[in-house]
PDB file of N, CA and C in Angstrom:
ATOM      1  N   UNK A   1      17.643 -33.942 -22.192  1.00  0.00           N
ATOM      2  CA  UNK A   1      18.718 -33.268 -22.899  1.00  0.00           C
ATOM      3  C   UNK A   1      18.500 -31.757 -22.904  1.00  0.00           C
ATOM      4  N   UNK A   2      17.301 -31.334 -23.247  1.00  0.00           N
ATOM      5  CA  UNK A   2      17.005 -29.908 -23.280  1.00  0.00           C
ATOM      6  C   UNK A   2      17.010 -29.335 -21.868  1.00  0.00           C
ATOM      7  N   UNK A   3      16.492 -30.097 -20.905  1.00  0.00           N
ATOM      8  CA  UNK A   3      16.457 -29.641 -19.519  1.00  0.00           C
ATOM      9  C   UNK A   3      17.865 -29.388 -18.994  1.00  0.00           C
ATOM     10  N   UNK A   4      18.801 -30.252 -19.312  1.00  0.00           N
ATOM     11  CA  UNK A   4      20.182 -30.061 -18.884  1.00  0.00           C
ATOM     12  C   UNK A   4      20.759 -28.793 -19.492  1.00  0.00           C
ATOM     13  N   UNK A   5      20.508 -28.555 -20.753  1.00  0.00           N
ATOM     14  CA  UNK A   5      21.006 -27.357 -21.418  1.00  0.00           C
ATOM     15  C   UNK A   5      20.438 -26.100 -20.765  1.00  0.00           C
ATOM     16  N   UNK A   6      19.147 -26.097 -20.530  1.00  0.00           N
ATOM     17  CA  UNK A   6      18.497 -24.920 -19.959  1.00  0.00           C
ATOM     18  C   UNK A   6      18.966 -24.657 -18.542  1.00  0.00           C
ATOM     19  N   UNK A   7      19.047 -25.683 -17.722  1.00  0.00           N
ATOM     20  CA  UNK A   7      19.378 -25.496 -16.300  1.00  0.00           C
ATOM     21  C   UNK A   7      20.856 -25.268 -16.051  1.00  0.00           C
ATOM     22  N   UNK A   8      21.720 -26.016 -16.686  1.00  0.00           N
ATOM     23  CA  UNK A   8      23.138 -25.965 -16.365  1.00  0.00           C
ATOM     24  C   UNK A   8      23.943 -25.007 -17.240  1.00  0.00           C
ATOM     25  N   UNK A   9      23.540 -24.828 -18.462  1.00  0.00           N
ATOM     26  CA  UNK A   9      24.320 -23.979 -19.369  1.00  0.00           C
ATOM     27  C   UNK A   9      23.763 -22.564 -19.476  1.00  0.00           C
ATOM     28  N   UNK A  10      22.463 -22.411 -19.494  1.00  0.00           N
ATOM     29  CA  UNK A  10      21.842 -21.095 -19.630  1.00  0.00           C
ATOM     30  C   UNK A  10      21.451 -20.491 -18.289  1.00  0.00           C
ATOM     31  N   UNK A  11      21.559 -21.256 -17.203  1.00  0.00           N
ATOM     32  CA  UNK A  11      21.218 -20.819 -15.849  1.00  0.00           C
ATOM     33  C   UNK A  11      19.777 -20.307 -15.765  1.00  0.00           C
ATOM     34  N   UNK A  12      18.871 -21.002 -16.409  1.00  0.00           N
ATOM     35  CA  UNK A  12      17.445 -20.708 -16.307  1.00  0.00           C
ATOM     36  C   UNK A  12      16.811 -21.783 -15.437  1.00  0.00           C
ATOM     37  N   UNK A  13      15.834 -21.387 -14.626  1.00  0.00           N
ATOM     38  CA  UNK A  13      15.163 -22.367 -13.787  1.00  0.00           C
ATOM     39  C   UNK A  13      13.677 -22.410 -14.111  1.00  0.00           C
ATOM     40  N   UNK A  14      12.958 -23.147 -13.278  1.00  0.00           N
ATOM     41  CA  UNK A  14      11.534 -23.351 -13.538  1.00  0.00           C
ATOM     42  C   UNK A  14      10.730 -22.057 -13.453  1.00  0.00           C
ATOM     43  N   UNK A  15      11.160 -21.138 -12.603  1.00  0.00           N
ATOM     44  CA  UNK A  15      10.407 -19.897 -12.428  1.00  0.00           C
ATOM     45  C   UNK A  15      10.447 -19.056 -13.707  1.00  0.00           C
ATOM     46  N   UNK A  16      11.611 -18.938 -14.297  1.00  0.00           N
ATOM     47  CA  UNK A  16      11.739 -18.158 -15.533  1.00  0.00           C
ATOM     48  C   UNK A  16      10.958 -18.829 -16.655  1.00  0.00           C
ATOM     49  N   UNK A  17      11.094 -20.133 -16.763  1.00  0.00           N
ATOM     50  CA  UNK A  17      10.361 -20.856 -17.802  1.00  0.00           C
ATOM     51  C   UNK A  17       8.859 -20.787 -17.552  1.00  0.00           C
ATOM     52  N   UNK A  18       8.442 -20.861 -16.282  1.00  0.00           N
ATOM     53  CA  UNK A  18       7.023 -20.763 -15.948  1.00  0.00           C
ATOM     54  C   UNK A  18       6.455 -19.386 -16.264  1.00  0.00           C
ATOM     55  N   UNK A  19       7.245 -18.348 -16.024  1.00  0.00           N
ATOM     56  CA  UNK A  19       6.797 -16.998 -16.365  1.00  0.00           C
ATOM     57  C   UNK A  19       6.616 -16.857 -17.864  1.00  0.00           C
ATOM     58  N   UNK A  20       7.557 -17.382 -18.623  1.00  0.00           N
ATOM     59  CA  UNK A  20       7.421 -17.356 -20.083  1.00  0.00           C
ATOM     60  C   UNK A  20       6.194 -18.122 -20.550  1.00  0.00           C
ATOM     61  N   UNK A  21       5.950 -19.263 -19.925  1.00  0.00           N
ATOM     62  CA  UNK A  21       4.764 -20.046 -20.260  1.00  0.00           C
ATOM     63  C   UNK A  21       3.493 -19.281 -19.912  1.00  0.00           C
ATOM     64  N   UNK A  22       3.511 -18.590 -18.768  1.00  0.00           N
ATOM     65  CA  UNK A  22       2.358 -17.794 -18.369  1.00  0.00           C
ATOM     66  C   UNK A  22       2.080 -16.663 -19.338  1.00  0.00           C
ATOM     67  N   UNK A  23       3.122 -16.047 -19.847  1.00  0.00           N
ATOM     68  CA  UNK A  23       2.944 -14.992 -20.846  1.00  0.00           C
ATOM     69  C   UNK A  23       2.333 -15.561 -22.112  1.00  0.00           C
ATOM     70  N   UNK A  24       2.802 -16.738 -22.516  1.00  0.00           N
ATOM     71  CA  UNK A  24       2.245 -17.365 -23.721  1.00  0.00           C
ATOM     72  C   UNK A  24       0.781 -17.749 -23.552  1.00  0.00           C
ATOM     73  N   UNK A  25       0.394 -18.167 -22.339  1.00  0.00           N
ATOM     74  CA  UNK A  25      -0.987 -18.574 -22.092  1.00  0.00           C
ATOM     75  C   UNK A  25      -1.902 -17.393 -21.757  1.00  0.00           C
ATOM     76  N   UNK A  26      -1.332 -16.223 -21.546  1.00  0.00           N
ATOM     77  CA  UNK A  26      -2.077 -15.042 -21.121  1.00  0.00           C
ATOM     78  C   UNK A  26      -2.942 -14.442 -22.211  1.00  0.00           C
ATOM     79  N   UNK A  27      -3.571 -13.305 -21.884  1.00  0.00           N
ATOM     80  CA  UNK A  27      -4.556 -12.702 -22.789  1.00  0.00           C
ATOM     81  C   UNK A  27      -3.955 -12.130 -24.072  1.00  0.00           C
ATOM     82  N   UNK A  28      -2.664 -11.895 -24.110  1.00  0.00           N
ATOM     83  CA  UNK A  28      -2.063 -11.307 -25.307  1.00  0.00           C
ATOM     84  C   UNK A  28      -1.608 -12.349 -26.330  1.00  0.00           C
ATOM     85  N   UNK A  29      -1.523 -13.595 -25.904  1.00  0.00           N
ATOM     86  CA  UNK A  29      -1.101 -14.647 -26.843  1.00  0.00           C
ATOM     87  C   UNK A  29      -2.231 -15.651 -27.063  1.00  0.00           C
ATOM     88  N   UNK A  30      -2.334 -16.650 -26.191  1.00  0.00           N
ATOM     89  CA  UNK A  30      -3.324 -17.715 -26.389  1.00  0.00           C
ATOM     90  C   UNK A  30      -4.679 -17.399 -25.765  1.00  0.00           C
ATOM     91  N   UNK A  31      -4.739 -16.442 -24.854  1.00  0.00           N
ATOM     92  CA  UNK A  31      -5.965 -16.016 -24.181  1.00  0.00           C
ATOM     93  C   UNK A  31      -6.645 -17.154 -23.413  1.00  0.00           C
ATOM     94  N   UNK A  32      -5.851 -18.049 -22.840  1.00  0.00           N
ATOM     95  CA  UNK A  32      -6.385 -19.131 -22.013  1.00  0.00           C
ATOM     96  C   UNK A  32      -6.549 -18.656 -20.574  1.00  0.00           C
ATOM     97  N   UNK A  33      -5.645 -17.817 -20.118  1.00  0.00           N
ATOM     98  CA  UNK A  33      -5.624 -17.317 -18.742  1.00  0.00           C
ATOM     99  C   UNK A  33      -5.779 -15.798 -18.803  1.00  0.00           C
ATOM    100  N   UNK A  34      -6.909 -15.272 -18.316  1.00  0.00           N
ATOM    101  CA  UNK A  34      -7.194 -13.843 -18.432  1.00  0.00           C
ATOM    102  C   UNK A  34      -7.530 -13.233 -17.074  1.00  0.00           C
ATOM    103  N   UNK A  35      -6.541 -12.633 -16.390  1.00  0.00           N
ATOM    104  CA  UNK A  35      -6.818 -12.033 -15.085  1.00  0.00           C
ATOM    105  C   UNK A  35      -7.697 -10.789 -15.169  1.00  0.00           C
ATOM    106  N   UNK A  36      -7.864 -10.215 -16.346  1.00  0.00           N
ATOM    107  CA  UNK A  36      -8.733  -9.037 -16.487  1.00  0.00           C
ATOM    108  C   UNK A  36     -10.186  -9.370 -16.198  1.00  0.00           C
ATOM    109  N   UNK A  37     -10.553 -10.625 -16.313  1.00  0.00           N
ATOM    110  CA  UNK A  37     -11.938 -11.017 -16.042  1.00  0.00           C
ATOM    111  C   UNK A  37     -12.211 -11.162 -14.536  1.00  0.00           C
ATOM    112  N   UNK A  38     -11.181 -11.108 -13.687  1.00  0.00           N
ATOM    113  CA  UNK A  38     -11.344 -11.292 -12.255  1.00  0.00           C
ATOM    114  C   UNK A  38     -11.849 -10.036 -11.557  1.00  0.00           C
ATOM    115  N   UNK A  39     -11.446  -8.875 -12.044  1.00  0.00           N
ATOM    116  CA  UNK A  39     -11.785  -7.612 -11.376  1.00  0.00           C
ATOM    117  C   UNK A  39     -11.791  -6.481 -12.399  1.00  0.00           C
ATOM    118  N   UNK A  40     -12.362  -5.348 -12.011  1.00  0.00           N
ATOM    119  CA  UNK A  40     -12.364  -4.193 -12.918  1.00  0.00           C
ATOM    120  C   UNK A  40     -11.035  -3.454 -12.869  1.00  0.00           C
ATOM    121  N   UNK A  41     -10.272  -3.611 -11.809  1.00  0.00           N
ATOM    122  CA  UNK A  41      -8.967  -2.959 -11.685  1.00  0.00           C
ATOM    123  C   UNK A  41      -7.864  -3.955 -12.047  1.00  0.00           C
ATOM    124  N   UNK A  42      -7.828  -4.328 -13.293  1.00  0.00           N
ATOM    125  CA  UNK A  42      -6.896  -5.373 -13.725  1.00  0.00           C
ATOM    126  C   UNK A  42      -5.450  -4.913 -13.685  1.00  0.00           C
ATOM    127  N   UNK A  43      -5.198  -3.617 -13.862  1.00  0.00           N
ATOM    128  CA  UNK A  43      -3.818  -3.146 -13.814  1.00  0.00           C
ATOM    129  C   UNK A  43      -3.215  -3.335 -12.427  1.00  0.00           C
ATOM    130  N   UNK A  44      -3.968  -3.019 -11.387  1.00  0.00           N
ATOM    131  CA  UNK A  44      -3.476  -3.194 -10.020  1.00  0.00           C
ATOM    132  C   UNK A  44      -3.292  -4.668  -9.693  1.00  0.00           C
ATOM    133  N   UNK A  45      -4.234  -5.494 -10.120  1.00  0.00           N
ATOM    134  CA  UNK A  45      -4.124  -6.931  -9.880  1.00  0.00           C
ATOM    135  C   UNK A  45      -2.894  -7.498 -10.566  1.00  0.00           C
ATOM    136  N   UNK A  46      -2.701  -7.138 -11.812  1.00  0.00           N
ATOM    137  CA  UNK A  46      -1.553  -7.639 -12.565  1.00  0.00           C
ATOM    138  C   UNK A  46      -0.252  -7.167 -11.937  1.00  0.00           C
ATOM    139  N   UNK A  47      -0.190  -5.918 -11.520  1.00  0.00           N
ATOM    140  CA  UNK A  47       1.008  -5.390 -10.888  1.00  0.00           C
ATOM    141  C   UNK A  47       1.348  -6.166  -9.612  1.00  0.00           C
ATOM    142  N   UNK A  48       0.358  -6.413  -8.781  1.00  0.00           N
ATOM    143  CA  UNK A  48       0.623  -7.123  -7.527  1.00  0.00           C
ATOM    144  C   UNK A  48       1.008  -8.577  -7.763  1.00  0.00           C
ATOM    145  N   UNK A  49       0.360  -9.235  -8.696  1.00  0.00           N
ATOM    146  CA  UNK A  49       0.712 -10.620  -9.017  1.00  0.00           C
ATOM    147  C   UNK A  49       2.130 -10.686  -9.565  1.00  0.00           C
ATOM    148  N   UNK A  50       2.482  -9.762 -10.429  1.00  0.00           N
ATOM    149  CA  UNK A  50       3.819  -9.777 -11.015  1.00  0.00           C
ATOM    150  C   UNK A  50       4.893  -9.456  -9.985  1.00  0.00           C
ATOM    151  N   UNK A  51       4.585  -8.629  -8.995  1.00  0.00           N
ATOM    152  CA  UNK A  51       5.550  -8.370  -7.918  1.00  0.00           C
ATOM    153  C   UNK A  51       5.857  -9.646  -7.151  1.00  0.00           C
ATOM    154  N   UNK A  52       4.821 -10.409  -6.854  1.00  0.00           N
ATOM    155  CA  UNK A  52       5.016 -11.667  -6.127  1.00  0.00           C
ATOM    156  C   UNK A  52       5.805 -12.656  -6.984  1.00  0.00           C
ATOM    157  N   UNK A  53       5.452 -12.761  -8.243  1.00  0.00           N
ATOM    158  CA  UNK A  53       6.143 -13.694  -9.142  1.00  0.00           C
ATOM    159  C   UNK A  53       7.602 -13.293  -9.301  1.00  0.00           C
ATOM    160  N   UNK A  54       7.864 -12.011  -9.476  1.00  0.00           N
ATOM    161  CA  UNK A  54       9.239 -11.548  -9.648  1.00  0.00           C
ATOM    162  C   UNK A  54      10.069 -11.784  -8.391  1.00  0.00           C
ATOM    163  N   UNK A  55       9.525 -11.456  -7.230  1.00  0.00           N
ATOM    164  CA  UNK A  55      10.264 -11.664  -5.988  1.00  0.00           C
ATOM    165  C   UNK A  55      10.545 -13.141  -5.756  1.00  0.00           C
ATOM    166  N   UNK A  56       9.555 -13.976  -5.989  1.00  0.00           N
ATOM    167  CA  UNK A  56       9.744 -15.422  -5.826  1.00  0.00           C
ATOM    168  C   UNK A  56      10.770 -15.943  -6.817  1.00  0.00           C
ATOM    169  N   UNK A  57      10.677 -15.499  -8.043  1.00  0.00           N
ATOM    170  CA  UNK A  57      11.610 -15.957  -9.075  1.00  0.00           C
ATOM    171  C   UNK A  57      13.040 -15.546  -8.789  1.00  0.00           C
ATOM    172  N   UNK A  58      13.250 -14.301  -8.383  1.00  0.00           N
ATOM    173  CA  UNK A  58      14.611 -13.847  -8.093  1.00  0.00           C
ATOM    174  C   UNK A  58      15.199 -14.594  -6.903  1.00  0.00           C
ATOM    175  N   UNK A  59      14.391 -14.813  -5.886  1.00  0.00           N
ATOM    176  CA  UNK A  59      14.875 -15.561  -4.732  1.00  0.00           C
ATOM    177  C   UNK A  59      15.238 -16.988  -5.134  1.00  0.00           C
ATOM    178  N   UNK A  60      14.375 -17.627  -5.899  1.00  0.00           N
ATOM    179  CA  UNK A  60      14.628 -19.016  -6.312  1.00  0.00           C
ATOM    180  C   UNK A  60      15.859 -19.124  -7.194  1.00  0.00           C
ATOM    181  N   UNK A  61      16.051 -18.162  -8.075  1.00  0.00           N
ATOM    182  CA  UNK A  61      17.233 -18.187  -8.943  1.00  0.00           C
ATOM    183  C   UNK A  61      18.498 -18.053  -8.113  1.00  0.00           C
ATOM    184  N   UNK A  62      18.483 -17.146  -7.150  1.00  0.00           N
ATOM    185  CA  UNK A  62      19.652 -16.968  -6.297  1.00  0.00           C
ATOM    186  C   UNK A  62      19.969 -18.202  -5.480  1.00  0.00           C
ATOM    187  N   UNK A  63      18.956 -18.885  -5.010  1.00  0.00           N
ATOM    188  CA  UNK A  63      19.157 -20.082  -4.193  1.00  0.00           C
ATOM    189  C   UNK A  63      19.639 -21.257  -5.042  1.00  0.00           C
ATOM    190  N   UNK A  64      19.171 -21.347  -6.275  1.00  0.00           N
ATOM    191  CA  UNK A  64      19.463 -22.513  -7.101  1.00  0.00           C
ATOM    192  C   UNK A  64      20.717 -22.387  -7.959  1.00  0.00           C
ATOM    193  N   UNK A  65      21.437 -21.280  -7.883  1.00  0.00           N
ATOM    194  CA  UNK A  65      22.656 -21.158  -8.690  1.00  0.00           C
ATOM    195  C   UNK A  65      23.671 -22.202  -8.262  1.00  0.00           C
ATOM    196  N   UNK A  66      24.325 -22.833  -9.213  1.00  0.00           N
ATOM    197  CA  UNK A  66      25.359 -23.817  -8.856  1.00  0.00           C
ATOM    198  C   UNK A  66      26.546 -23.143  -8.160  1.00  0.00           C
ATOM    199  N   UNK A  67      27.228 -23.877  -7.300  1.00  0.00           N
ATOM    200  CA  UNK A  67      28.379 -23.326  -6.591  1.00  0.00           C
ATOM    201  C   UNK A  67      29.474 -22.877  -7.553  1.00  0.00           C
ATOM    202  N   UNK A  68      29.647 -23.588  -8.632  1.00  0.00           N
ATOM    203  CA  UNK A  68      30.685 -23.241  -9.596  1.00  0.00           C
ATOM    204  C   UNK A  68      30.435 -21.861 -10.197  1.00  0.00           C
ATOM    205  N   UNK A  69      29.191 -21.500 -10.398  1.00  0.00           N
ATOM    206  CA  UNK A  69      28.856 -20.186 -10.958  1.00  0.00           C
ATOM    207  C   UNK A  69      29.299 -19.084  -9.998  1.00  0.00           C
ATOM    208  N   UNK A  70      29.015 -19.260  -8.720  1.00  0.00           N
ATOM    209  CA  UNK A  70      29.381 -18.248  -7.732  1.00  0.00           C
ATOM    210  C   UNK A  70      30.899 -18.083  -7.664  1.00  0.00           C
ATOM    211  N   UNK A  71      31.621 -19.182  -7.705  1.00  0.00           N
ATOM    212  CA  UNK A  71      33.076 -19.109  -7.642  1.00  0.00           C
ATOM    213  C   UNK A  71      33.685 -18.440  -8.851  1.00  0.00           C
ATOM    214  N   UNK A  72      33.160 -18.722 -10.015  1.00  0.00           N
ATOM    215  CA  UNK A  72      33.709 -18.156 -11.251  1.00  0.00           C
ATOM    216  C   UNK A  72      33.366 -16.685 -11.423  1.00  0.00           C
ATOM    217  N   UNK A  73      32.219 -16.254 -10.921  1.00  0.00           N
ATOM    218  CA  UNK A  73      31.725 -14.909 -11.199  1.00  0.00           C
ATOM    219  C   UNK A  73      31.628 -14.031  -9.958  1.00  0.00           C
ATOM    220  N   UNK A  74      32.418 -14.315  -8.927  1.00  0.00           N
ATOM    221  CA  UNK A  74      32.300 -13.564  -7.677  1.00  0.00           C
ATOM    222  C   UNK A  74      32.624 -12.081  -7.881  1.00  0.00           C
ATOM    223  N   UNK A  75      33.622 -11.757  -8.677  1.00  0.00           N
ATOM    224  CA  UNK A  75      34.004 -10.355  -8.878  1.00  0.00           C
ATOM    225  C   UNK A  75      32.902  -9.591  -9.606  1.00  0.00           C
ATOM    226  N   UNK A  76      32.383 -10.137 -10.684  1.00  0.00           N
ATOM    227  CA  UNK A  76      31.334  -9.436 -11.427  1.00  0.00           C
ATOM    228  C   UNK A  76      30.044  -9.333 -10.613  1.00  0.00           C
ATOM    229  N   UNK A  77      29.739 -10.358  -9.815  1.00  0.00           N
ATOM    230  CA  UNK A  77      28.560 -10.292  -8.963  1.00  0.00           C
ATOM    231  C   UNK A  77      28.698  -9.197  -7.914  1.00  0.00           C
ATOM    232  N   UNK A  78      29.857  -9.083  -7.305  1.00  0.00           N
ATOM    233  CA  UNK A  78      30.066  -8.033  -6.315  1.00  0.00           C
ATOM    234  C   UNK A  78      29.991  -6.649  -6.946  1.00  0.00           C
ATOM    235  N   UNK A  79      30.534  -6.506  -8.148  1.00  0.00           N
ATOM    236  CA  UNK A  79      30.485  -5.217  -8.839  1.00  0.00           C
ATOM    237  C   UNK A  79      29.045  -4.824  -9.148  1.00  0.00           C
ATOM    238  N   UNK A  80      28.202  -5.784  -9.466  1.00  0.00           N
ATOM    239  CA  UNK A  80      26.808  -5.488  -9.780  1.00  0.00           C
ATOM    240  C   UNK A  80      25.930  -5.376  -8.531  1.00  0.00           C
ATOM    241  N   UNK A  81      26.154  -6.236  -7.562  1.00  0.00           N
ATOM    242  CA  UNK A  81      25.248  -6.314  -6.415  1.00  0.00           C
ATOM    243  C   UNK A  81      25.492  -5.199  -5.402  1.00  0.00           C
ATOM    244  N   UNK A  82      26.740  -4.907  -5.064  1.00  0.00           N
ATOM    245  CA  UNK A  82      27.022  -3.931  -4.010  1.00  0.00           C
ATOM    246  C   UNK A  82      26.498  -2.538  -4.367  1.00  0.00           C
ATOM    247  N   UNK A  83      26.790  -1.985  -5.552  1.00  0.00           N
ATOM    248  CA  UNK A  83      26.222  -0.669  -5.867  1.00  0.00           C
ATOM    249  C   UNK A  83      24.693  -0.696  -5.981  1.00  0.00           C
ATOM    250  N   UNK A  84      24.143  -1.773  -6.501  1.00  0.00           N
ATOM    251  CA  UNK A  84      22.688  -1.878  -6.627  1.00  0.00           C
ATOM    252  C   UNK A  84      22.031  -1.913  -5.252  1.00  0.00           C
ATOM    253  N   UNK A  85      22.588  -2.684  -4.327  1.00  0.00           N
ATOM    254  CA  UNK A  85      22.043  -2.742  -2.971  1.00  0.00           C
ATOM    255  C   UNK A  85      22.167  -1.382  -2.287  1.00  0.00           C
ATOM    256  N   UNK A  86      23.311  -0.730  -2.440  1.00  0.00           N
ATOM    257  CA  UNK A  86      23.494   0.583  -1.816  1.00  0.00           C
ATOM    258  C   UNK A  86      22.498   1.596  -2.367  1.00  0.00           C
ATOM    259  N   UNK A  87      22.303   1.598  -3.666  1.00  0.00           N
ATOM    260  CA  UNK A  87      21.330   2.504  -4.275  1.00  0.00           C
ATOM    261  C   UNK A  87      19.914   2.181  -3.792  1.00  0.00           C
ATOM    262  N   UNK A  88      19.598   0.906  -3.677  1.00  0.00           N
ATOM    263  CA  UNK A  88      18.287   0.508  -3.171  1.00  0.00           C
ATOM    264  C   UNK A  88      18.064   0.973  -1.739  1.00  0.00           C
ATOM    265  N   UNK A  89      19.102   0.871  -0.909  1.00  0.00           N
ATOM    266  CA  UNK A  89      18.983   1.345   0.473  1.00  0.00           C
ATOM    267  C   UNK A  89      18.751   2.852   0.516  1.00  0.00           C
ATOM    268  N   UNK A  90      19.464   3.595  -0.328  1.00  0.00           N
ATOM    269  CA  UNK A  90      19.305   5.053  -0.361  1.00  0.00           C
ATOM    270  C   UNK A  90      17.887   5.419  -0.804  1.00  0.00           C
ATOM    271  N   UNK A  91      17.385   4.749  -1.828  1.00  0.00           N
ATOM    272  CA  UNK A  91      16.031   5.036  -2.315  1.00  0.00           C
ATOM    273  C   UNK A  91      14.997   4.699  -1.242  1.00  0.00           C
ATOM    274  N   UNK A  92      15.140   3.548  -0.593  1.00  0.00           N
ATOM    275  CA  UNK A  92      14.195   3.175   0.465  1.00  0.00           C
ATOM    276  C   UNK A  92      14.257   4.154   1.626  1.00  0.00           C
ATOM    277  N   UNK A  93      15.447   4.543   2.030  1.00  0.00           N
ATOM    278  CA  UNK A  93      15.605   5.507   3.119  1.00  0.00           C
ATOM    279  C   UNK A  93      14.994   6.839   2.736  1.00  0.00           C
ATOM    280  N   UNK A  94      15.185   7.251   1.494  1.00  0.00           N
ATOM    281  CA  UNK A  94      14.575   8.488   1.023  1.00  0.00           C
ATOM    282  C   UNK A  94      13.064   8.436   1.049  1.00  0.00           C
ATOM    283  N   UNK A  95      12.517   7.297   0.663  1.00  0.00           N
ATOM    284  CA  UNK A  95      11.053   7.148   0.691  1.00  0.00           C
ATOM    285  C   UNK A  95      10.515   7.159   2.115  1.00  0.00           C
ATOM    286  N   UNK A  96      11.294   6.708   3.074  1.00  0.00           N
ATOM    287  CA  UNK A  96      10.854   6.717   4.454  1.00  0.00           C
ATOM    288  C   UNK A  96      11.040   8.094   5.090  1.00  0.00           C
ATOM    289  N   UNK A  97      12.160   8.734   4.810  1.00  0.00           N
ATOM    290  CA  UNK A  97      12.500   9.990   5.487  1.00  0.00           C
ATOM    291  C   UNK A  97      11.833  11.214   4.876  1.00  0.00           C
ATOM    292  N   UNK A  98      11.630  11.255   3.585  1.00  0.00           N
ATOM    293  CA  UNK A  98      11.059  12.448   2.945  1.00  0.00           C
ATOM    294  C   UNK A  98       9.679  12.784   3.470  1.00  0.00           C
ATOM    295  N   UNK A  99       8.765  11.837   3.666  1.00  0.00           N
ATOM    296  CA  UNK A  99       7.448  12.212   4.226  1.00  0.00           C
ATOM    297  C   UNK A  99       7.536  12.750   5.658  1.00  0.00           C
ATOM    298  N   UNK A 100       8.600  12.414   6.382  1.00  0.00           N
ATOM    299  CA  UNK A 100       8.745  12.878   7.757  1.00  0.00           C
ATOM    300  C   UNK A 100       9.212  14.334   7.845  1.00  0.00           C
ATOM    301  N   UNK A 101       9.799  14.841   6.759  1.00  0.00           N
ATOM    302  CA  UNK A 101      10.327  16.218   6.780  1.00  0.00           C
ATOM    303  C   UNK A 101       9.268  17.259   6.595  1.00  0.00           C
TER     304      UNK A 101
END
């Protein structure tokens, strides 16, 4: 019952729920999982792990969206995605071209 509510009504998937669970089990809450003990540069480790988790989660969410969601929200998705993608391309191009100048 709860799984149906979370997946179909709130559009949350396992990745989002797993990230929340990981935060709860991490060093700031339950202290069961502590990546700071793995290396002295814990900030860099955490940043890289979170980049992978975020990229995987966003991809999985996009793939798992129901077809009905895409049909109902196509206009709002285009309004949000097209300018964001264009801005991302400009920023990436700037990061590539500025060192060459």
